[in-house]
Amino acid sequence: MLRIAAFVLLAAVDIGGGFGNASAEVISLTDESMEVEIQVEVQGTVDAVVVHFALSGEDPVTLPLVSRGGGVFGITTELKPANYQVVFETLGDVSIQSQPVAIADLGAEVTSTSGPATSSTEGGFSSVTQGWGWLALAFGAASLAALAFWALGGGRDDQGVAPGLEADVEETLTAEPAGDDQSSIGSTPDP
């Protein structure tokens, strides 16, 4: 628990304007959603605190924050994976809004800055891309194996002839050349 508190304090950003430190952490991330923990310190006494998550071209999502004691309010929620602009707002006799800040600037590790994030995978490639990579690797290995088999004389006998072709090779080597006799080569024909 102490380690988590230390991480939150290291990742916290002072947003000012009636608010203290704010932080965000992505707990889980898939192609379709991310679970994010967000919290903010509020200075003074307030009735309630809400957070607005905004993306360009979309309606903002407004959620109430739960008091966690000591002037800290927070929530764990599931959102579409994106680098949201976050605005905190206190409700009560005097309403105060914070300046917009990107959720990534609050410490959340979102892989995309303008749209949906991809799941975190080895080498930064999606599982579909990795699947095609493994298929290409298998095809390359099979091709190399076939080339090695052919180059090392696989399927041939001791004389380098494929089984069943000995008679054809013997016949070709002993056959008489077709056509004119050898003495006429290089001589001129009689007129």
C-alpha atoms as a PDB file:
ATOM      1  CA  MET A   1       0.000   0.000   0.000  1.00  0.00           C
ATOM      2  CA  LEU A   2       2.878   2.342   0.835  1.00  0.00           C
ATOM      3  CA  ARG A   3       4.462   1.638  -2.567  1.00  0.00           C
ATOM      4  CA  ILE A   4       1.210   2.553  -4.353  1.00  0.00           C
ATOM      5  CA  ALA A   5       0.953   5.800  -2.392  1.00  0.00           C
ATOM      6  CA  ALA A   6       4.567   6.650  -3.295  1.00  0.00           C
ATOM      7  CA  PHE A   7       3.821   6.008  -6.991  1.00  0.00           C
ATOM      8  CA  VAL A   8       0.738   8.210  -6.875  1.00  0.00           C
ATOM      9  CA  LEU A   9       2.712  11.035  -5.278  1.00  0.00           C
ATOM     10  CA  LEU A  10       5.501  10.734  -7.881  1.00  0.00           C
ATOM     11  CA  ALA A  11       3.033  10.757 -10.769  1.00  0.00           C
ATOM     12  CA  ALA A  12       0.857  13.556  -9.348  1.00  0.00           C
ATOM     13  CA  VAL A  13       0.649  16.900 -11.125  1.00  0.00           C
ATOM     14  CA  ASP A  14      -0.239  20.137  -9.340  1.00  0.00           C
ATOM     15  CA  ILE A  15      -3.117  21.596 -11.381  1.00  0.00           C
ATOM     16  CA  GLY A  16      -3.759  24.698  -9.246  1.00  0.00           C
ATOM     17  CA  GLY A  17      -6.954  26.815  -9.180  1.00  0.00           C
ATOM     18  CA  GLY A  18      -8.360  25.448  -5.931  1.00  0.00           C
ATOM     19  CA  PHE A  19      -7.007  21.977  -6.626  1.00  0.00           C
ATOM     20  CA  GLY A  20      -3.811  20.346  -5.451  1.00  0.00           C
ATOM     21  CA  ASN A  21      -2.186  17.318  -7.034  1.00  0.00           C
ATOM     22  CA  ALA A  22      -4.028  15.187  -9.576  1.00  0.00           C
ATOM     23  CA  SER A  23      -3.005  11.785 -10.919  1.00  0.00           C
ATOM     24  CA  ALA A  24      -4.248   9.110 -13.293  1.00  0.00           C
ATOM     25  CA  GLU A  25      -3.194   5.498 -13.752  1.00  0.00           C
ATOM     26  CA  VAL A  26      -4.321   3.002 -16.383  1.00  0.00           C
ATOM     27  CA  ILE A  27      -5.047  -0.244 -14.552  1.00  0.00           C
ATOM     28  CA  SER A  28      -5.894  -2.313 -17.632  1.00  0.00           C
ATOM     29  CA  LEU A  29      -5.883  -1.580 -21.357  1.00  0.00           C
ATOM     30  CA  THR A  30      -7.389  -3.433 -24.328  1.00  0.00           C
ATOM     31  CA  ASP A  31      -8.308  -2.397 -27.861  1.00  0.00           C
ATOM     32  CA  GLU A  32     -11.877  -1.656 -26.731  1.00  0.00           C
ATOM     33  CA  SER A  33     -11.504  -0.146 -23.268  1.00  0.00           C
ATOM     34  CA  MET A  34      -9.216   1.039 -20.516  1.00  0.00           C
ATOM     35  CA  GLU A  35      -9.780   0.972 -16.782  1.00  0.00           C
ATOM     36  CA  VAL A  36      -8.393   4.146 -15.271  1.00  0.00           C
ATOM     37  CA  GLU A  37      -7.915   5.304 -11.685  1.00  0.00           C
ATOM     38  CA  ILE A  38      -8.063   9.115 -11.365  1.00  0.00           C
ATOM     39  CA  GLN A  39      -7.879  11.288  -8.262  1.00  0.00           C
ATOM     40  CA  VAL A  40      -7.433  14.908  -7.256  1.00  0.00           C
ATOM     41  CA  GLU A  41      -6.750  16.865  -4.064  1.00  0.00           C
ATOM     42  CA  VAL A  42      -9.274  19.601  -3.325  1.00  0.00           C
ATOM     43  CA  GLN A  43      -8.374  22.612  -1.204  1.00  0.00           C
ATOM     44  CA  GLY A  44     -11.109  23.772   1.126  1.00  0.00           C
ATOM     45  CA  THR A  45     -14.564  22.359   1.815  1.00  0.00           C
ATOM     46  CA  VAL A  46     -16.790  21.335  -1.098  1.00  0.00           C
ATOM     47  CA  ASP A  47     -20.121  19.591  -1.505  1.00  0.00           C
ATOM     48  CA  ALA A  48     -19.022  17.389  -4.401  1.00  0.00           C
ATOM     49  CA  VAL A  49     -16.365  17.002  -7.082  1.00  0.00           C
ATOM     50  CA  VAL A  50     -16.845  15.811 -10.669  1.00  0.00           C
ATOM     51  CA  VAL A  51     -14.456  15.090 -13.498  1.00  0.00           C
ATOM     52  CA  HIS A  52     -15.131  15.790 -17.174  1.00  0.00           C
ATOM     53  CA  PHE A  53     -13.425  13.558 -19.780  1.00  0.00           C
ATOM     54  CA  ALA A  54     -13.448  15.216 -23.215  1.00  0.00           C
ATOM     55  CA  LEU A  55     -12.339  14.118 -26.704  1.00  0.00           C
ATOM     56  CA  SER A  56     -12.399  16.275 -29.808  1.00  0.00           C
ATOM     57  CA  GLY A  57     -15.647  15.804 -31.725  1.00  0.00           C
ATOM     58  CA  GLU A  58     -17.383  13.843 -28.952  1.00  0.00           C
ATOM     59  CA  ASP A  59     -19.664  14.735 -26.047  1.00  0.00           C
ATOM     60  CA  PRO A  60     -17.783  14.935 -22.728  1.00  0.00           C
ATOM     61  CA  VAL A  61     -18.271  12.244 -20.100  1.00  0.00           C
ATOM     62  CA  THR A  62     -18.915  13.635 -16.611  1.00  0.00           C
ATOM     63  CA  LEU A  63     -18.500  11.403 -13.558  1.00  0.00           C
ATOM     64  CA  PRO A  64     -18.774  12.118  -9.810  1.00  0.00           C
ATOM     65  CA  LEU A  65     -15.662  11.563  -7.706  1.00  0.00           C
ATOM     66  CA  VAL A  66     -15.838   9.788  -4.346  1.00  0.00           C
ATOM     67  CA  SER A  67     -14.261  11.299  -1.230  1.00  0.00           C
ATOM     68  CA  ARG A  68     -11.281   9.237  -0.146  1.00  0.00           C
ATOM     69  CA  GLY A  69     -10.578  11.336   2.927  1.00  0.00           C
ATOM     70  CA  GLY A  70      -8.071  14.088   3.566  1.00  0.00           C
ATOM     71  CA  GLY A  71      -9.434  16.266   0.760  1.00  0.00           C
ATOM     72  CA  VAL A  72      -8.717  13.613  -1.909  1.00  0.00           C
ATOM     73  CA  PHE A  73     -11.454  12.634  -4.371  1.00  0.00           C
ATOM     74  CA  GLY A  74     -11.193   9.872  -6.944  1.00  0.00           C
ATOM     75  CA  ILE A  75     -12.817   7.175  -9.048  1.00  0.00           C
ATOM     76  CA  THR A  76     -11.941   4.013 -10.931  1.00  0.00           C
ATOM     77  CA  THR A  77     -13.829   3.833 -14.217  1.00  0.00           C
ATOM     78  CA  GLU A  78     -13.806   2.230 -17.643  1.00  0.00           C
ATOM     79  CA  LEU A  79     -13.500   4.415 -20.737  1.00  0.00           C
ATOM     80  CA  LYS A  80     -12.732   4.104 -24.426  1.00  0.00           C
ATOM     81  CA  PRO A  81      -8.917   4.069 -24.737  1.00  0.00           C
ATOM     82  CA  ALA A  82      -7.772   7.603 -25.623  1.00  0.00           C
ATOM     83  CA  ASN A  83      -5.785  10.528 -24.267  1.00  0.00           C
ATOM     84  CA  TYR A  84      -8.709  12.482 -22.809  1.00  0.00           C
ATOM     85  CA  GLN A  85      -8.615  16.128 -21.785  1.00  0.00           C
ATOM     86  CA  VAL A  86      -9.590  16.150 -18.116  1.00  0.00           C
ATOM     87  CA  VAL A  87     -11.284  19.008 -16.236  1.00  0.00           C
ATOM     88  CA  PHE A  88     -12.061  18.763 -12.522  1.00  0.00           C
ATOM     89  CA  GLU A  89     -14.957  20.771 -11.069  1.00  0.00           C
ATOM     90  CA  THR A  90     -16.067  21.414  -7.513  1.00  0.00           C
ATOM     91  CA  LEU A  91     -19.787  21.786  -6.801  1.00  0.00           C
ATOM     92  CA  GLY A  92     -21.231  23.807  -3.966  1.00  0.00           C
ATOM     93  CA  ASP A  93     -21.735  27.457  -3.062  1.00  0.00           C
ATOM     94  CA  VAL A  94     -18.807  28.339  -5.332  1.00  0.00           C
ATOM     95  CA  SER A  95     -18.057  26.164  -8.348  1.00  0.00           C
ATOM     96  CA  ILE A  96     -14.451  26.027  -9.517  1.00  0.00           C
ATOM     97  CA  GLN A  97     -13.103  24.341 -12.638  1.00  0.00           C
ATOM     98  CA  SER A  98      -9.500  23.333 -13.235  1.00  0.00           C
ATOM     99  CA  GLN A  99      -7.651  24.022 -16.452  1.00  0.00           C
ATOM    100  CA  PRO A 100      -7.858  21.156 -18.986  1.00  0.00           C
ATOM    101  CA  VAL A 101      -5.002  18.690 -18.725  1.00  0.00           C
ATOM    102  CA  ALA A 102      -4.320  15.565 -20.797  1.00  0.00           C
ATOM    103  CA  ILE A 103      -4.837  12.311 -18.934  1.00  0.00           C
ATOM    104  CA  ALA A 104      -1.364  11.208 -20.078  1.00  0.00           C
ATOM    105  CA  ASP A 105       0.108  14.287 -18.382  1.00  0.00           C
ATOM    106  CA  LEU A 106      -1.445  13.051 -15.125  1.00  0.00           C
ATOM    107  CA  GLY A 107       0.569   9.814 -15.390  1.00  0.00           C
ATOM    108  CA  ALA A 108      -1.744   7.527 -17.370  1.00  0.00           C
ATOM    109  CA  GLU A 109       0.131   5.435 -19.935  1.00  0.00           C
ATOM    110  CA  VAL A 110      -2.124   5.718 -22.965  1.00  0.00           C
ATOM    111  CA  THR A 111      -0.413   4.625 -26.196  1.00  0.00           C
ATOM    112  CA  SER A 112      -2.372   6.916 -28.522  1.00  0.00           C
ATOM    113  CA  THR A 113      -2.595  10.700 -28.237  1.00  0.00           C
ATOM    114  CA  SER A 114      -5.520  11.309 -30.559  1.00  0.00           C
ATOM    115  CA  GLY A 115      -7.599   8.180 -30.795  1.00  0.00           C
ATOM    116  CA  PRO A 116      -8.061   4.658 -29.576  1.00  0.00           C
ATOM    117  CA  ALA A 117      -5.077   2.978 -28.031  1.00  0.00           C
ATOM    118  CA  THR A 118      -3.830  -0.453 -28.989  1.00  0.00           C
ATOM    119  CA  SER A 119      -3.220  -3.170 -26.518  1.00  0.00           C
ATOM    120  CA  SER A 120       0.204  -3.380 -25.080  1.00  0.00           C
ATOM    121  CA  THR A 121       2.047  -6.292 -26.672  1.00  0.00           C
ATOM    122  CA  GLU A 122       5.555  -7.541 -27.138  1.00  0.00           C
ATOM    123  CA  GLY A 123       7.524  -5.338 -29.509  1.00  0.00           C
ATOM    124  CA  GLY A 124       4.612  -2.926 -29.859  1.00  0.00           C
ATOM    125  CA  PHE A 125       2.804  -5.065 -32.454  1.00  0.00           C
ATOM    126  CA  SER A 126      -0.826  -6.129 -32.244  1.00  0.00           C
ATOM    127  CA  SER A 127      -1.686  -9.814 -31.876  1.00  0.00           C
ATOM    128  CA  VAL A 128      -2.904  -9.935 -35.515  1.00  0.00           C
ATOM    129  CA  THR A 129       0.393  -8.514 -36.771  1.00  0.00           C
ATOM    130  CA  GLN A 130       2.320 -10.939 -34.579  1.00  0.00           C
ATOM    131  CA  GLY A 131       0.261 -13.825 -36.013  1.00  0.00           C
ATOM    132  CA  TRP A 132       1.168 -12.845 -39.576  1.00  0.00           C
ATOM    133  CA  GLY A 133       4.803 -12.511 -38.505  1.00  0.00           C
ATOM    134  CA  TRP A 134       4.843 -16.038 -37.099  1.00  0.00           C
ATOM    135  CA  LEU A 135       3.200 -17.337 -40.294  1.00  0.00           C
ATOM    136  CA  ALA A 136       5.857 -15.605 -42.425  1.00  0.00           C
ATOM    137  CA  LEU A 137       8.595 -17.047 -40.197  1.00  0.00           C
ATOM    138  CA  ALA A 138       7.161 -20.574 -40.550  1.00  0.00           C
ATOM    139  CA  PHE A 139       6.890 -20.201 -44.336  1.00  0.00           C
ATOM    140  CA  GLY A 140      10.492 -18.958 -44.526  1.00  0.00           C
ATOM    141  CA  ALA A 141      11.720 -21.891 -42.414  1.00  0.00           C
ATOM    142  CA  ALA A 142       9.843 -24.390 -44.604  1.00  0.00           C
ATOM    143  CA  SER A 143      11.316 -22.797 -47.743  1.00  0.00           C
ATOM    144  CA  LEU A 144      14.835 -22.983 -46.317  1.00  0.00           C
ATOM    145  CA  ALA A 145      14.318 -26.625 -45.362  1.00  0.00           C
ATOM    146  CA  ALA A 146      13.168 -27.462 -48.906  1.00  0.00           C
ATOM    147  CA  LEU A 147      16.157 -25.606 -50.378  1.00  0.00           C
ATOM    148  CA  ALA A 148      18.575 -27.433 -48.073  1.00  0.00           C
ATOM    149  CA  PHE A 149      16.981 -30.781 -48.951  1.00  0.00           C
ATOM    150  CA  TRP A 150      17.360 -30.044 -52.662  1.00  0.00           C
ATOM    151  CA  ALA A 151      20.919 -28.642 -52.378  1.00  0.00           C
ATOM    152  CA  LEU A 152      22.149 -31.591 -50.330  1.00  0.00           C
ATOM    153  CA  GLY A 153      20.811 -34.070 -52.892  1.00  0.00           C
ATOM    154  CA  GLY A 154      17.772 -35.271 -51.000  1.00  0.00           C
ATOM    155  CA  GLY A 155      15.871 -37.991 -52.868  1.00  0.00           C
ATOM    156  CA  ARG A 156      18.840 -38.980 -55.090  1.00  0.00           C
ATOM    157  CA  ASP A 157      20.987 -42.113 -55.117  1.00  0.00           C
ATOM    158  CA  ASP A 158      24.788 -42.286 -54.784  1.00  0.00           C
ATOM    159  CA  GLN A 159      25.365 -41.222 -58.408  1.00  0.00           C
ATOM    160  CA  GLY A 160      23.243 -38.081 -58.053  1.00  0.00           C
ATOM    161  CA  VAL A 161      20.333 -39.511 -60.043  1.00  0.00           C
ATOM    162  CA  ALA A 162      16.819 -39.623 -58.747  1.00  0.00           C
ATOM    163  CA  PRO A 163      15.482 -43.181 -58.279  1.00  0.00           C
ATOM    164  CA  GLY A 164      13.603 -44.485 -61.326  1.00  0.00           C
ATOM    165  CA  LEU A 165      15.516 -42.275 -63.751  1.00  0.00           C
ATOM    166  CA  GLU A 166      18.640 -44.493 -64.134  1.00  0.00           C
ATOM    167  CA  ALA A 167      17.336 -46.089 -67.330  1.00  0.00           C
ATOM    168  CA  ASP A 168      16.510 -42.715 -68.883  1.00  0.00           C
ATOM    169  CA  VAL A 169      19.970 -41.324 -68.058  1.00  0.00           C
ATOM    170  CA  GLU A 170      21.717 -44.495 -69.347  1.00  0.00           C
ATOM    171  CA  GLU A 171      19.707 -44.384 -72.552  1.00  0.00           C
ATOM    172  CA  THR A 172      20.508 -40.696 -73.107  1.00  0.00           C
ATOM    173  CA  LEU A 173      24.249 -41.225 -72.573  1.00  0.00           C
ATOM    174  CA  THR A 174      24.531 -44.204 -74.954  1.00  0.00           C
ATOM    175  CA  ALA A 175      22.166 -43.036 -77.686  1.00  0.00           C
ATOM    176  CA  GLU A 176      23.544 -42.269 -81.159  1.00  0.00           C
ATOM    177  CA  PRO A 177      23.277 -38.631 -82.177  1.00  0.00           C
ATOM    178  CA  ALA A 178      20.372 -37.984 -84.460  1.00  0.00           C
ATOM    179  CA  GLY A 179      20.888 -36.643 -87.953  1.00  0.00           C
ATOM    180  CA  ASP A 180      23.886 -36.643 -90.340  1.00  0.00           C
ATOM    181  CA  ASP A 181      26.989 -38.637 -89.792  1.00  0.00           C
ATOM    182  CA  GLN A 182      29.902 -37.044 -87.946  1.00  0.00           C
ATOM    183  CA  SER A 183      32.219 -36.973 -91.006  1.00  0.00           C
ATOM    184  CA  SER A 184      30.068 -34.368 -92.720  1.00  0.00           C
ATOM    185  CA  ILE A 185      30.536 -31.838 -89.947  1.00  0.00           C
ATOM    186  CA  GLY A 186      32.849 -29.105 -91.048  1.00  0.00           C
ATOM    187  CA  SER A 187      32.973 -30.153 -94.750  1.00  0.00           C
ATOM    188  CA  THR A 188      31.315 -28.415 -97.631  1.00  0.00           C
ATOM    189  CA  PRO A 189      28.633 -30.181 -99.608  1.00  0.00           C
ATOM    190  CA  ASP A 190      29.344 -31.229-103.238  1.00  0.00           C
ATOM    191  CA  PRO A 191      27.631 -29.120-105.894  1.00  0.00           C
END
